[in-house]
Amino acid sequence: MEVRRRLLAVAVAVAALTATALVVPLPASAVTDTTVLEMVGDPGDPIVGPNHYTVSPPGTELRAQGTTAGVHLSAVQPGPGHFWFLDFAAPPGTDLTAGLTYPNAERFPGPGVAALDVTGDGSACNTVAGSFTVLEIAIDAFSGVVQQFAASFEQHCGGVAPAVRGVVYFHSTLTPASISNLSLTGDTSKVPGGVVALQGVLTAGGSPVVGADVTLSRTDGSGTTSLPPVTTGTDGSYTAPDTMGTTAATYTASFAGDASRTASRASVHVAVAKFPSTLAVVAPATGKRGVTYTVSGVLSTRGTPVAGAKISLRRTDLAGTKALTLTTNAAGGYAYRDVPPVGGNVAWTASWAGDATNAATSASRTVVIARTRTSMVVTTSASRYAYGARATVTVRLGTTYNRRDVYVYARPLGTSVVAPGTLVAHVKVNVAGVAAVSYVMRRSTTFTVAFRGDYRYAPVARVVTRAVVPRVTVTLSGWSVFTGGFYVFHNVSPRVHVVVTPSVPGACIGLQEGFYAGNTWQHGNTAGCLYLDANSTVDGVVTHTAPAGNRFFVIANVSSTPSTAAGASAPLYFRFG
């Protein structure tokens, strides 16, 4: 009878593989006839992960069919339950043999390659890498019926580390074994001759396996070498140091399993690290234009100078970037004499690309070449501006060499704008060194004007702050008639509504009254603070018991704020009829 193959996917995993190991519960009839499937999946495994399942009759129907060359098993739960299919096949031309482990199993068998495929719940793998061990097999020679079968297995899908591990017993005479899990971790990279610290943990049934033998091997450019075996401690852990060679190595840890626990293995890859190198850049902190100074340094690795190495030296200043290549001498040193043609910062970067065993390295240093100071004067068309007025910022720049431009920034006060503010103009000064910039004032504003320097003259900046007087608008309500410039009220107190622009919520408004007496207007009392609301408005009432015909005025004064100077409204005149 031909074995049914549903082999769909998986690829080799490996680094530190971990999974929860769980014990198969032992049915009452297990001594002579055990039928059970247990699987546990790593997070990321598409077949089972990250779950653990233990299924057996009568809740799950397990069937098997096959030959001595291969066995197909199915585990199906009724209704909307789970379903899985498992295929095990010996390499072509051979038979499955109890007690034999088949490593490097794939989805499709080939010469000398066994086949393994675990699918279920609608999930399968395109490629498979794994292994399985046949624990028991008995096939009726006449009917082809699978009488007994038991196997442990580990499958990886698609070339990734997450795995599904499990054991299956079909009418087996064996006592079910726990699924064991062996982890292995180590340094991601190590320099040749360095100590690779390997460590891991062996568990089964959720508990550490104590006193178990773990075999270790190293596969590198020189082949595969067996390392001294180790024994797990009271917490199931083990450690194993090894000396790194000159090529990358894959370390493999294996637990052979026993009567009560399945075999398991894990691997970790350790890359060859290069030895660290050091490179210095030595130069003075400051210098002068046209005056020679020296840039030098030493390249070393493992405390030894590196002679004959090519050092890439990059020089960057205001005039551009220059690339140089220097060769280290017998003492690992290099040197370059520089004559700076322009002032400002000169950034030096030295780098070495490394070689087969030594890592690349680089270092930097900045030399500040002195520049002459120039003058700059900033004035404005006024010191205070009404809201919405246009300010003129005038710049007078002194002598420079090859740049005649300035940057003008504005930072409205009382806002979230940070210094130096928003760039409002980048302009060149005229032949007289003068430039003017216009700006609409809506809040008190700090202006920063900057000359960024050139080949011979240093940067310079000037800062001035100018105030904005807010617009204060007052309206009256409750009046009967407006005549002769007066609002006339009859038996009602004037109501005052104040609006301040720009918006300054929380600012203090003082209502000042005045009256006409002795042929002149006189100032009276000022009411206490009325605070502007979120809309920068406030309402008040002017109370009076004055006889009809008396004349008054009201003015709203606003206090200074972080974004405005103090201000006042124009007077509004009123009388009582």
Protein backbone atom coordinates (compact mmCIF):
# COMPACT_ATOMS: atom_id res chain seq x y z
CA MET A 1 0.00 0.00 0.00
CA GLU A 2 1.43 3.37 -0.94
CA VAL A 3 1.91 5.85 1.87
CA ARG A 4 -0.22 9.02 1.65
CA ARG A 5 2.10 12.06 1.52
CA ARG A 6 0.82 15.49 2.57
CA LEU A 7 4.34 16.86 3.05
CA LEU A 8 4.16 20.61 2.79
CA ALA A 9 6.80 22.85 4.35
CA VAL A 10 9.66 23.67 6.59
CA ALA A 11 13.24 24.70 6.72
CA VAL A 12 16.04 24.32 9.05
CA ALA A 13 15.91 26.35 12.14
CA VAL A 14 18.46 26.91 14.69
CA ALA A 15 19.97 29.12 17.21
CA ALA A 16 18.50 28.74 20.68
CA LEU A 17 15.31 26.71 20.23
CA THR A 18 12.91 26.75 23.15
CA ALA A 19 9.52 25.21 23.85
CA THR A 20 7.55 24.01 26.84
CA ALA A 21 8.03 20.31 27.43
CA LEU A 22 4.90 18.46 28.54
CA VAL A 23 4.23 14.91 29.75
CA VAL A 24 1.81 12.63 27.92
CA PRO A 25 -0.81 11.45 30.43
CA LEU A 26 -0.83 7.67 30.75
CA PRO A 27 -4.18 6.00 29.98
CA ALA A 28 -5.26 3.01 32.04
CA SER A 29 -4.62 0.66 29.11
CA ALA A 30 -1.15 2.14 28.30
CA VAL A 31 0.72 -0.94 29.46
CA THR A 32 -0.40 -2.93 26.42
CA ASP A 33 -2.11 -0.47 24.06
CA THR A 34 -1.33 3.25 24.00
CA THR A 35 -2.84 5.60 21.42
CA VAL A 36 -2.08 9.27 21.99
CA LEU A 37 -0.68 12.31 20.16
CA GLU A 38 1.04 15.16 21.98
CA MET A 39 2.46 18.25 20.25
CA VAL A 40 3.89 21.54 21.50
CA GLY A 41 4.71 24.48 19.22
CA ASP A 42 7.08 27.40 19.63
CA PRO A 43 5.65 30.91 19.20
CA GLY A 44 5.69 31.53 15.46
CA ASP A 45 5.25 27.89 14.42
CA PRO A 46 2.35 27.83 11.88
CA ILE A 47 1.18 24.30 12.67
CA VAL A 48 0.76 24.23 16.44
CA GLY A 49 2.52 27.26 17.95
CA PRO A 50 2.29 28.59 20.50
CA ASN A 51 -0.03 25.89 21.80
CA HIS A 52 0.21 22.47 23.41
CA TYR A 53 -2.17 19.65 22.52
CA THR A 54 -2.60 16.15 23.95
CA VAL A 55 -5.32 14.14 22.19
CA SER A 56 -6.44 10.52 22.35
CA PRO A 57 -9.57 8.39 21.83
CA PRO A 58 -12.47 8.64 22.30
CA GLY A 59 -12.37 12.47 21.93
CA THR A 60 -10.08 12.18 18.92
CA GLU A 61 -10.05 9.50 16.24
CA LEU A 62 -6.49 8.41 15.45
CA ARG A 63 -5.89 6.27 12.37
CA ALA A 64 -2.76 4.90 10.70
CA GLN A 65 -1.92 3.25 7.39
CA GLY A 66 1.26 2.50 5.55
CA THR A 67 4.10 0.09 4.96
CA THR A 68 7.48 -0.53 6.47
CA ALA A 69 8.73 2.25 4.16
CA GLY A 70 6.38 4.93 5.46
CA VAL A 71 3.46 5.60 7.77
CA HIS A 72 0.65 8.14 7.51
CA LEU A 73 -1.38 9.05 10.62
CA SER A 74 -4.44 11.23 11.07
CA ALA A 75 -5.93 12.70 14.25
CA VAL A 76 -9.42 14.10 13.73
CA GLN A 77 -11.83 15.52 16.29
CA PRO A 78 -15.57 15.55 15.53
CA GLY A 79 -17.46 18.70 14.50
CA PRO A 80 -15.47 21.91 14.43
CA GLY A 81 -12.59 20.38 16.37
CA HIS A 82 -8.92 20.12 15.44
CA PHE A 83 -7.40 17.83 12.80
CA TRP A 84 -3.79 16.92 12.06
CA PHE A 85 -1.94 14.68 9.60
CA LEU A 86 1.54 13.22 10.16
CA ASP A 87 3.77 11.48 7.59
CA PHE A 88 6.97 9.61 8.30
CA ALA A 89 8.99 7.92 5.52
CA ALA A 90 12.40 6.28 5.36
CA PRO A 91 14.89 7.26 2.63
CA PRO A 92 13.89 5.69 -0.70
CA GLY A 93 14.69 1.98 -0.87
CA THR A 94 14.87 1.52 2.91
CA ASP A 95 12.47 0.68 5.75
CA LEU A 96 11.57 2.54 8.89
CA THR A 97 13.49 0.94 11.73
CA ALA A 98 12.67 1.10 15.43
CA GLY A 99 15.38 2.81 17.47
CA LEU A 100 16.73 4.70 14.47
CA THR A 101 16.81 8.52 14.26
CA TYR A 102 16.36 10.15 10.87
CA PRO A 103 18.06 13.57 10.84
CA ASN A 104 17.75 16.23 8.15
CA ALA A 105 14.30 15.04 7.13
CA GLU A 106 12.56 17.06 4.40
CA ARG A 107 9.11 17.29 2.90
CA PHE A 108 10.03 15.19 -0.13
CA PRO A 109 12.44 12.26 0.34
CA GLY A 110 15.50 11.96 -1.86
CA PRO A 111 18.53 9.72 -2.01
CA GLY A 112 19.51 9.09 1.58
CA VAL A 113 16.93 11.62 2.85
CA ALA A 114 13.93 10.72 5.02
CA ALA A 115 10.58 12.49 4.75
CA LEU A 116 8.63 14.29 7.48
CA ASP A 117 5.47 16.35 7.16
CA VAL A 118 3.21 17.54 9.98
CA THR A 119 0.16 19.58 8.95
CA GLY A 120 -3.15 20.46 10.51
CA ASP A 121 -6.02 22.84 11.07
CA GLY A 122 -5.62 24.08 7.50
CA SER A 123 -1.95 25.03 7.94
CA ALA A 124 0.99 23.44 6.12
CA CYS A 125 4.58 24.19 5.18
CA ASN A 126 6.07 24.66 1.73
CA THR A 127 9.44 23.38 2.86
CA VAL A 128 10.34 21.28 5.88
CA ALA A 129 13.48 20.61 7.88
CA GLY A 130 13.45 18.36 10.89
CA SER A 131 14.12 14.96 12.33
CA PHE A 132 12.27 12.02 13.84
CA THR A 133 13.01 8.86 15.78
CA VAL A 134 11.03 5.67 15.27
CA LEU A 135 10.35 4.20 18.69
CA GLU A 136 8.23 1.22 17.59
CA ILE A 137 6.80 -0.12 14.32
CA ALA A 138 4.84 -3.24 13.45
CA ILE A 139 3.08 -3.77 10.10
CA ASP A 140 0.93 -6.81 9.31
CA ALA A 141 2.73 -8.46 6.41
CA PHE A 142 -0.44 -9.76 4.80
CA SER A 143 -3.00 -6.95 5.29
CA GLY A 144 -0.64 -3.99 5.42
CA VAL A 145 -2.38 -2.82 8.57
CA VAL A 146 -0.28 -0.74 10.95
CA GLN A 147 -0.42 -2.70 14.19
CA GLN A 148 1.88 -0.58 16.34
CA PHE A 149 3.72 2.66 15.68
CA ALA A 150 5.44 5.22 17.90
CA ALA A 151 7.74 8.11 17.01
CA SER A 152 9.08 11.39 18.35
CA PHE A 153 9.58 14.30 15.94
CA GLU A 154 10.68 17.91 15.49
CA GLN A 155 9.70 19.99 12.44
CA HIS A 156 10.69 23.51 11.32
CA CYS A 157 8.71 25.38 8.67
CA GLY A 158 10.15 27.66 6.01
CA GLY A 159 13.73 27.86 7.22
CA VAL A 160 12.93 29.55 10.52
CA ALA A 161 13.72 28.64 14.12
CA PRO A 162 10.21 28.08 15.59
CA ALA A 163 9.39 24.36 15.69
CA VAL A 164 6.64 21.88 16.48
CA ARG A 165 7.81 18.97 18.63
CA GLY A 166 5.81 15.93 19.53
CA VAL A 167 5.32 12.23 20.16
CA VAL A 168 2.74 9.91 18.66
CA TYR A 169 1.78 6.42 19.88
CA PHE A 170 -0.60 4.24 17.87
CA HIS A 171 -1.60 1.03 19.67
CA SER A 172 1.92 1.11 21.07
CA THR A 173 3.23 -1.26 23.70
CA LEU A 174 5.53 1.50 24.99
CA THR A 175 5.02 3.84 27.91
CA PRO A 176 4.60 7.41 26.56
CA ALA A 177 7.62 9.69 26.93
CA SER A 178 7.65 13.36 27.91
CA ILE A 179 8.55 15.90 25.23
CA SER A 180 11.94 17.28 26.18
CA ASN A 181 13.22 20.70 25.26
CA LEU A 182 16.88 21.63 25.06
CA SER A 183 18.02 25.22 24.65
CA LEU A 184 21.45 26.51 23.65
CA THR A 185 22.70 30.08 23.64
CA GLY A 186 26.10 31.62 23.16
CA ASP A 187 27.96 34.73 22.08
CA THR A 188 26.75 36.13 18.75
CA SER A 189 30.37 36.72 17.78
CA LYS A 190 33.84 36.22 19.23
CA VAL A 191 37.38 37.08 18.24
CA PRO A 192 39.70 34.16 17.39
CA GLY A 193 41.10 32.71 20.59
CA GLY A 194 38.30 34.22 22.67
CA VAL A 195 36.18 32.11 25.00
CA VAL A 196 32.71 31.28 23.69
CA ALA A 197 30.33 30.95 26.65
CA LEU A 198 27.78 28.28 25.76
CA GLN A 199 24.84 27.62 28.06
CA GLY A 200 21.41 26.08 27.99
CA VAL A 201 18.63 24.35 29.90
CA LEU A 202 17.04 20.89 29.51
CA THR A 203 13.42 20.49 30.59
CA ALA A 204 10.74 17.83 30.20
CA GLY A 205 7.17 17.89 31.40
CA GLY A 206 7.64 21.50 32.43
CA SER A 207 10.36 20.55 34.94
CA PRO A 208 14.17 20.65 34.78
CA VAL A 209 15.96 17.44 33.88
CA VAL A 210 18.67 16.87 36.48
CA GLY A 211 21.85 14.91 35.86
CA ALA A 212 21.27 14.34 32.14
CA ASP A 213 24.15 14.00 29.70
CA VAL A 214 24.28 16.63 26.94
CA THR A 215 26.70 16.11 24.05
CA LEU A 216 28.22 19.08 22.24
CA SER A 217 29.87 19.57 18.88
CA ARG A 218 31.38 22.44 16.90
CA THR A 219 31.20 22.71 13.13
CA ASP A 220 33.48 25.31 11.54
CA GLY A 221 35.86 25.71 8.62
CA SER A 222 37.94 22.77 9.79
CA GLY A 223 35.01 20.35 10.03
CA THR A 224 32.96 18.97 12.92
CA THR A 225 34.63 18.45 16.28
CA SER A 226 33.13 16.74 19.31
CA LEU A 227 33.43 18.74 22.52
CA PRO A 228 33.49 17.35 26.05
CA PRO A 229 29.97 16.35 27.17
CA VAL A 230 28.33 18.15 30.08
CA THR A 231 25.81 17.16 32.75
CA THR A 232 22.76 19.24 33.66
CA GLY A 233 22.60 20.70 37.15
CA THR A 234 19.81 20.79 39.71
CA ASP A 235 17.98 23.44 37.68
CA GLY A 236 18.46 21.60 34.37
CA SER A 237 21.08 24.07 33.18
CA TYR A 238 24.53 23.48 31.78
CA THR A 239 27.50 25.57 30.67
CA ALA A 240 30.34 24.81 28.29
CA PRO A 241 33.21 27.17 27.39
CA ASP A 242 35.03 26.76 24.08
CA THR A 243 37.86 28.56 22.31
CA MET A 244 36.83 30.40 19.15
CA GLY A 245 38.65 29.45 15.98
CA THR A 246 39.37 31.56 12.94
CA THR A 247 36.10 30.78 11.12
CA ALA A 248 32.43 31.01 12.04
CA ALA A 249 31.14 28.07 14.05
CA THR A 250 27.80 26.34 14.62
CA TYR A 251 27.52 24.68 18.01
CA THR A 252 25.06 21.82 18.49
CA ALA A 253 23.84 20.43 21.83
CA SER A 254 22.04 17.06 21.89
CA PHE A 255 20.10 15.08 24.46
CA ALA A 256 19.73 11.43 23.41
CA GLY A 257 16.50 10.91 25.32
CA ASP A 258 15.62 7.95 27.51
CA ALA A 259 12.72 5.71 28.34
CA SER A 260 10.65 8.59 29.76
CA ARG A 261 11.85 11.58 27.74
CA THR A 262 12.21 12.28 24.04
CA ALA A 263 15.49 13.24 22.40
CA SER A 264 16.07 16.90 21.61
CA ARG A 265 18.76 19.13 20.21
CA ALA A 266 19.53 22.81 19.67
CA SER A 267 22.11 24.83 17.80
CA VAL A 268 23.58 28.32 17.89
CA HIS A 269 25.72 30.14 15.35
CA VAL A 270 28.72 32.19 16.46
CA ALA A 271 30.32 34.56 13.96
CA VAL A 272 34.00 35.45 13.92
CA ALA A 273 34.54 38.92 15.35
CA LYS A 274 37.42 41.12 14.31
CA PHE A 275 39.89 42.43 16.84
CA PRO A 276 39.19 46.03 17.85
CA SER A 277 41.48 48.72 16.48
CA THR A 278 42.30 52.19 17.77
CA LEU A 279 43.14 55.28 15.76
CA ALA A 280 43.94 58.75 17.06
CA VAL A 281 43.78 62.22 15.54
CA VAL A 282 46.08 64.69 17.27
CA ALA A 283 45.97 68.38 16.34
CA PRO A 284 45.96 71.75 18.12
CA ALA A 285 42.63 73.12 19.28
CA THR A 286 43.17 76.45 17.55
CA GLY A 287 45.25 77.95 14.77
CA LYS A 288 45.71 80.95 12.52
CA ARG A 289 45.03 81.38 8.86
CA GLY A 290 48.19 80.83 6.81
CA VAL A 291 50.13 79.35 9.75
CA THR A 292 51.24 75.70 9.47
CA TYR A 293 50.16 73.09 12.04
CA THR A 294 50.41 69.28 12.09
CA VAL A 295 47.69 66.60 12.20
CA SER A 296 49.01 63.21 13.33
CA GLY A 297 48.00 59.95 14.95
CA VAL A 298 48.81 56.29 15.59
CA LEU A 299 46.96 53.13 14.46
CA SER A 300 47.17 50.06 16.66
CA THR A 301 45.38 46.79 17.31
CA ARG A 302 45.77 44.45 20.26
CA GLY A 303 48.29 46.92 21.65
CA THR A 304 50.56 46.65 18.62
CA PRO A 305 51.17 49.44 16.05
CA VAL A 306 49.97 48.67 12.54
CA ALA A 307 52.62 49.55 9.94
CA GLY A 308 51.96 50.10 6.24
CA ALA A 309 48.23 50.72 6.70
CA LYS A 310 46.36 53.11 4.41
CA ILE A 311 44.75 55.92 6.42
CA SER A 312 41.99 57.95 4.80
CA LEU A 313 42.22 61.52 6.07
CA ARG A 314 39.35 63.88 5.28
CA ARG A 315 39.58 67.63 5.79
CA THR A 316 36.45 69.83 5.72
CA ASP A 317 36.26 73.61 6.14
CA LEU A 318 34.20 76.50 4.74
CA ALA A 319 35.91 76.11 1.38
CA GLY A 320 34.93 72.44 0.97
CA THR A 321 36.28 68.92 1.57
CA LYS A 322 39.67 67.49 0.71
CA ALA A 323 40.47 63.75 0.83
CA LEU A 324 43.98 62.43 1.49
CA THR A 325 45.52 58.95 1.77
CA LEU A 326 48.47 58.45 4.11
CA THR A 327 50.49 55.33 4.97
CA THR A 328 51.47 54.49 8.54
CA ASN A 329 55.16 54.14 9.34
CA ALA A 330 56.85 51.35 11.29
CA ALA A 331 55.51 52.80 14.53
CA GLY A 332 51.94 52.87 13.17
CA GLY A 333 52.03 56.64 12.89
CA TYR A 334 50.96 59.14 10.24
CA ALA A 335 51.32 62.92 9.97
CA TYR A 336 50.17 65.74 7.71
CA ARG A 337 51.18 69.43 7.72
CA ASP A 338 48.30 71.77 7.00
CA VAL A 339 48.32 75.47 6.07
CA PRO A 340 44.72 76.69 6.55
CA PRO A 341 43.72 79.06 3.73
CA VAL A 342 40.45 80.12 5.38
CA GLY A 343 39.23 80.65 8.92
CA GLY A 344 36.53 78.84 10.89
CA ASN A 345 36.24 75.21 11.92
CA VAL A 346 38.43 72.65 10.18
CA ALA A 347 37.03 69.14 10.77
CA TRP A 348 39.49 66.27 10.47
CA THR A 349 38.40 62.61 10.22
CA ALA A 350 40.92 59.77 9.99
CA SER A 351 39.67 56.26 9.17
CA TRP A 352 41.07 52.81 8.49
CA ALA A 353 39.06 50.14 6.64
CA GLY A 354 40.48 47.28 8.72
CA ASP A 355 41.64 43.93 7.36
CA ALA A 356 40.73 40.26 7.56
CA THR A 357 41.23 40.04 11.33
CA ASN A 358 41.12 43.63 12.59
CA ALA A 359 38.06 45.87 12.70
CA ALA A 360 37.72 49.21 10.94
CA THR A 361 38.11 52.31 13.06
CA SER A 362 37.98 56.09 12.81
CA ALA A 363 38.57 59.22 14.87
CA SER A 364 37.85 62.94 14.51
CA ARG A 365 39.21 66.27 15.64
CA THR A 366 38.25 69.90 15.01
CA VAL A 367 40.72 72.79 14.75
CA VAL A 368 39.30 76.31 15.09
CA ILE A 369 41.11 78.78 12.83
CA ALA A 370 40.76 82.33 14.11
CA ARG A 371 38.76 84.89 12.13
CA THR A 372 38.54 88.67 12.37
CA ARG A 373 35.50 90.22 14.06
CA THR A 374 33.27 92.58 12.12
CA SER A 375 30.68 95.10 13.28
CA MET A 376 26.92 94.92 12.92
CA VAL A 377 24.30 97.41 14.08
CA VAL A 378 20.55 96.66 14.13
CA THR A 379 17.92 99.40 14.47
CA THR A 380 14.14 99.54 14.10
CA SER A 381 11.77 102.22 12.91
CA ALA A 382 10.23 102.53 16.39
CA SER A 383 10.54 101.11 19.90
CA ARG A 384 6.79 100.45 20.29
CA TYR A 385 4.22 99.58 17.67
CA ALA A 386 0.47 99.52 17.54
CA TYR A 387 -1.06 96.13 16.89
CA GLY A 388 -0.80 95.33 13.17
CA ALA A 389 1.67 98.11 12.42
CA ARG A 390 4.63 97.40 10.14
CA ALA A 391 8.12 97.56 11.63
CA THR A 392 11.24 98.16 9.58
CA VAL A 393 14.39 96.38 10.79
CA THR A 394 17.57 97.97 9.43
CA VAL A 395 20.95 96.19 9.44
CA ARG A 396 24.34 97.85 8.99
CA LEU A 397 27.06 95.25 8.39
CA GLY A 398 30.75 96.11 8.65
CA THR A 399 33.67 94.82 6.60
CA THR A 400 33.60 91.16 5.47
CA TYR A 401 35.53 89.08 2.93
CA ASN A 402 33.39 86.92 0.65
CA ARG A 403 29.90 87.02 2.16
CA ARG A 404 27.58 90.04 2.41
CA ASP A 405 24.34 88.42 3.50
CA VAL A 406 22.43 88.38 6.78
CA TYR A 407 19.61 86.27 8.24
CA VAL A 408 16.72 87.96 10.04
CA TYR A 409 14.65 85.96 12.54
CA ALA A 410 11.51 87.02 14.42
CA ARG A 411 10.30 85.42 17.66
CA PRO A 412 6.87 86.65 18.84
CA LEU A 413 6.89 86.69 22.64
CA GLY A 414 4.39 84.68 24.63
CA THR A 415 4.26 81.95 21.97
CA SER A 416 5.82 78.52 21.56
CA VAL A 417 8.31 79.75 18.95
CA VAL A 418 11.84 79.08 20.21
CA ALA A 419 14.91 81.23 19.74
CA PRO A 420 16.12 82.55 17.42
CA GLY A 421 12.63 82.43 15.94
CA THR A 422 11.25 82.09 12.44
CA LEU A 423 13.42 83.12 9.50
CA VAL A 424 11.64 86.07 7.91
CA ALA A 425 14.36 87.20 5.53
CA HIS A 426 17.73 86.23 4.08
CA VAL A 427 19.05 89.33 2.35
CA LYS A 428 22.25 90.83 0.99
CA VAL A 429 23.35 94.23 2.21
CA ASN A 430 23.89 96.94 -0.38
CA VAL A 431 27.21 98.57 -1.28
CA ALA A 432 26.90 100.70 1.85
CA GLY A 433 26.46 97.57 3.98
CA VAL A 434 22.77 98.29 4.66
CA ALA A 435 19.68 96.08 4.35
CA ALA A 436 16.11 96.70 5.53
CA VAL A 437 13.39 94.16 6.28
CA SER A 438 9.68 94.83 6.91
CA TYR A 439 7.65 92.87 9.48
CA VAL A 440 4.03 93.13 10.69
CA MET A 441 3.90 93.45 14.50
CA ARG A 442 1.13 91.47 16.16
CA ARG A 443 2.94 90.70 19.42
CA SER A 444 6.00 92.05 21.15
CA THR A 445 8.83 90.51 19.15
CA THR A 446 12.51 89.69 19.54
CA PHE A 447 14.49 90.12 16.33
CA THR A 448 17.76 88.26 15.83
CA VAL A 449 19.98 89.30 12.94
CA ALA A 450 22.90 86.99 12.13
CA PHE A 451 25.90 87.17 9.84
CA ARG A 452 27.13 83.58 9.57
CA GLY A 453 30.74 84.41 8.86
CA ASP A 454 32.95 83.85 5.85
CA TYR A 455 36.50 82.75 5.05
CA ARG A 456 38.09 85.54 7.10
CA TYR A 457 35.43 87.10 9.32
CA ALA A 458 33.74 85.45 12.28
CA PRO A 459 29.98 85.09 12.72
CA VAL A 460 28.18 87.86 14.59
CA ALA A 461 24.60 88.28 15.77
CA ARG A 462 22.56 91.08 17.29
CA VAL A 463 19.28 90.88 19.20
CA VAL A 464 16.64 93.59 19.75
CA THR A 465 13.15 93.38 21.26
CA ARG A 466 10.31 95.68 20.33
CA ALA A 467 6.94 96.01 22.07
CA VAL A 468 3.42 95.87 20.63
CA VAL A 469 0.65 97.98 22.15
CA PRO A 470 -2.58 95.94 21.98
CA ARG A 471 -5.73 97.16 20.33
CA VAL A 472 -8.36 97.76 23.04
CA THR A 473 -11.92 98.20 21.81
CA VAL A 474 -14.79 99.33 24.08
CA THR A 475 -18.48 99.29 23.22
CA LEU A 476 -21.46 100.48 25.31
CA SER A 477 -24.92 98.98 25.40
CA GLY A 478 -28.22 99.99 26.96
CA TRP A 479 -28.24 103.53 25.56
CA SER A 480 -31.33 105.13 24.04
CA VAL A 481 -29.83 107.54 21.55
CA PHE A 482 -26.43 108.72 20.31
CA THR A 483 -26.28 112.43 19.80
CA GLY A 484 -23.61 115.10 19.79
CA GLY A 485 -20.88 112.53 20.37
CA PHE A 486 -22.60 111.18 23.51
CA TYR A 487 -24.41 107.96 24.26
CA VAL A 488 -27.57 108.90 26.19
CA PHE A 489 -28.90 106.56 28.87
CA HIS A 490 -32.37 106.77 30.51
CA ASN A 491 -32.79 105.12 33.90
CA VAL A 492 -30.26 102.38 33.16
CA SER A 493 -26.56 101.87 33.96
CA PRO A 494 -24.23 101.67 30.95
CA ARG A 495 -22.93 98.17 30.17
CA VAL A 496 -19.33 97.99 28.93
CA HIS A 497 -17.90 95.30 26.62
CA VAL A 498 -14.10 95.19 26.12
CA VAL A 499 -12.16 93.26 23.45
CA VAL A 500 -8.33 93.11 23.37
CA THR A 501 -6.30 92.13 20.31
CA PRO A 502 -4.08 90.10 20.17
CA SER A 503 -5.75 87.58 22.46
CA VAL A 504 -4.32 87.81 25.98
CA PRO A 505 -6.64 85.72 28.21
CA GLY A 506 -6.25 86.49 31.91
CA ALA A 507 -4.92 90.01 31.43
CA CYS A 508 -6.22 92.67 33.83
CA ILE A 509 -8.66 95.28 32.53
CA GLY A 510 -9.22 98.46 34.54
CA LEU A 511 -12.24 100.62 33.68
CA GLN A 512 -11.44 104.28 34.32
CA GLU A 513 -14.25 106.82 34.54
CA GLY A 514 -14.01 110.54 33.91
CA PHE A 515 -16.45 113.43 34.20
CA TYR A 516 -16.91 116.98 33.03
CA ALA A 517 -16.71 119.63 35.76
CA GLY A 518 -15.45 123.20 35.98
CA ASN A 519 -15.36 123.51 32.23
CA THR A 520 -12.85 120.66 31.89
CA TRP A 521 -12.73 116.90 31.65
CA GLN A 522 -11.34 115.26 34.78
CA HIS A 523 -10.28 111.69 35.53
CA GLY A 524 -12.19 109.82 38.16
CA ASN A 525 -11.88 106.40 39.78
CA THR A 526 -10.57 103.20 38.13
CA ALA A 527 -12.47 100.00 38.83
CA GLY A 528 -10.47 97.01 40.06
CA CYS A 529 -9.27 94.23 37.75
CA LEU A 530 -11.67 92.62 35.36
CA TYR A 531 -9.90 89.61 33.85
CA LEU A 532 -10.17 88.82 30.17
CA ASP A 533 -11.79 85.49 29.38
CA ALA A 534 -10.58 82.80 26.94
CA ASN A 535 -11.79 84.93 24.04
CA SER A 536 -9.87 87.96 25.33
CA THR A 537 -13.12 89.78 26.24
CA VAL A 538 -14.74 91.04 29.44
CA ASP A 539 -18.02 92.79 30.42
CA GLY A 540 -18.67 95.41 33.11
CA VAL A 541 -21.29 97.87 34.35
CA VAL A 542 -20.90 101.59 35.08
CA THR A 543 -23.20 102.47 37.98
CA HIS A 544 -24.26 106.08 38.51
CA THR A 545 -26.81 108.14 40.45
CA ALA A 546 -25.81 111.36 38.74
CA PRO A 547 -28.59 113.79 37.75
CA ALA A 548 -29.65 114.05 34.15
CA GLY A 549 -27.36 116.07 31.90
CA ASN A 550 -24.11 115.18 33.65
CA ARG A 551 -21.45 114.07 31.21
CA PHE A 552 -18.93 111.22 31.59
CA PHE A 553 -16.42 109.11 29.73
CA VAL A 554 -14.98 105.59 30.17
CA ILE A 555 -11.57 104.20 29.16
CA ALA A 556 -10.44 100.53 29.32
CA ASN A 557 -6.80 100.04 30.37
CA VAL A 558 -5.08 96.66 29.86
CA SER A 559 -2.01 95.62 31.85
CA SER A 560 1.21 94.49 30.20
CA THR A 561 1.60 90.78 29.40
CA PRO A 562 4.50 88.63 28.20
CA SER A 563 3.40 89.27 24.62
CA THR A 564 2.16 92.89 24.75
CA ALA A 565 2.85 96.18 26.40
CA ALA A 566 0.18 97.97 28.44
CA GLY A 567 -2.50 99.69 26.38
CA ALA A 568 -5.71 101.67 26.57
CA SER A 569 -8.83 102.26 24.54
CA ALA A 570 -10.05 105.54 23.17
CA PRO A 571 -12.59 107.23 25.55
CA LEU A 572 -16.31 106.73 25.00
CA TYR A 573 -18.54 109.63 26.14
CA PHE A 574 -21.97 109.25 27.66
CA ARG A 575 -24.56 111.12 29.72
CA PHE A 576 -27.85 110.49 31.44
CA GLY A 577 -31.06 111.86 29.98
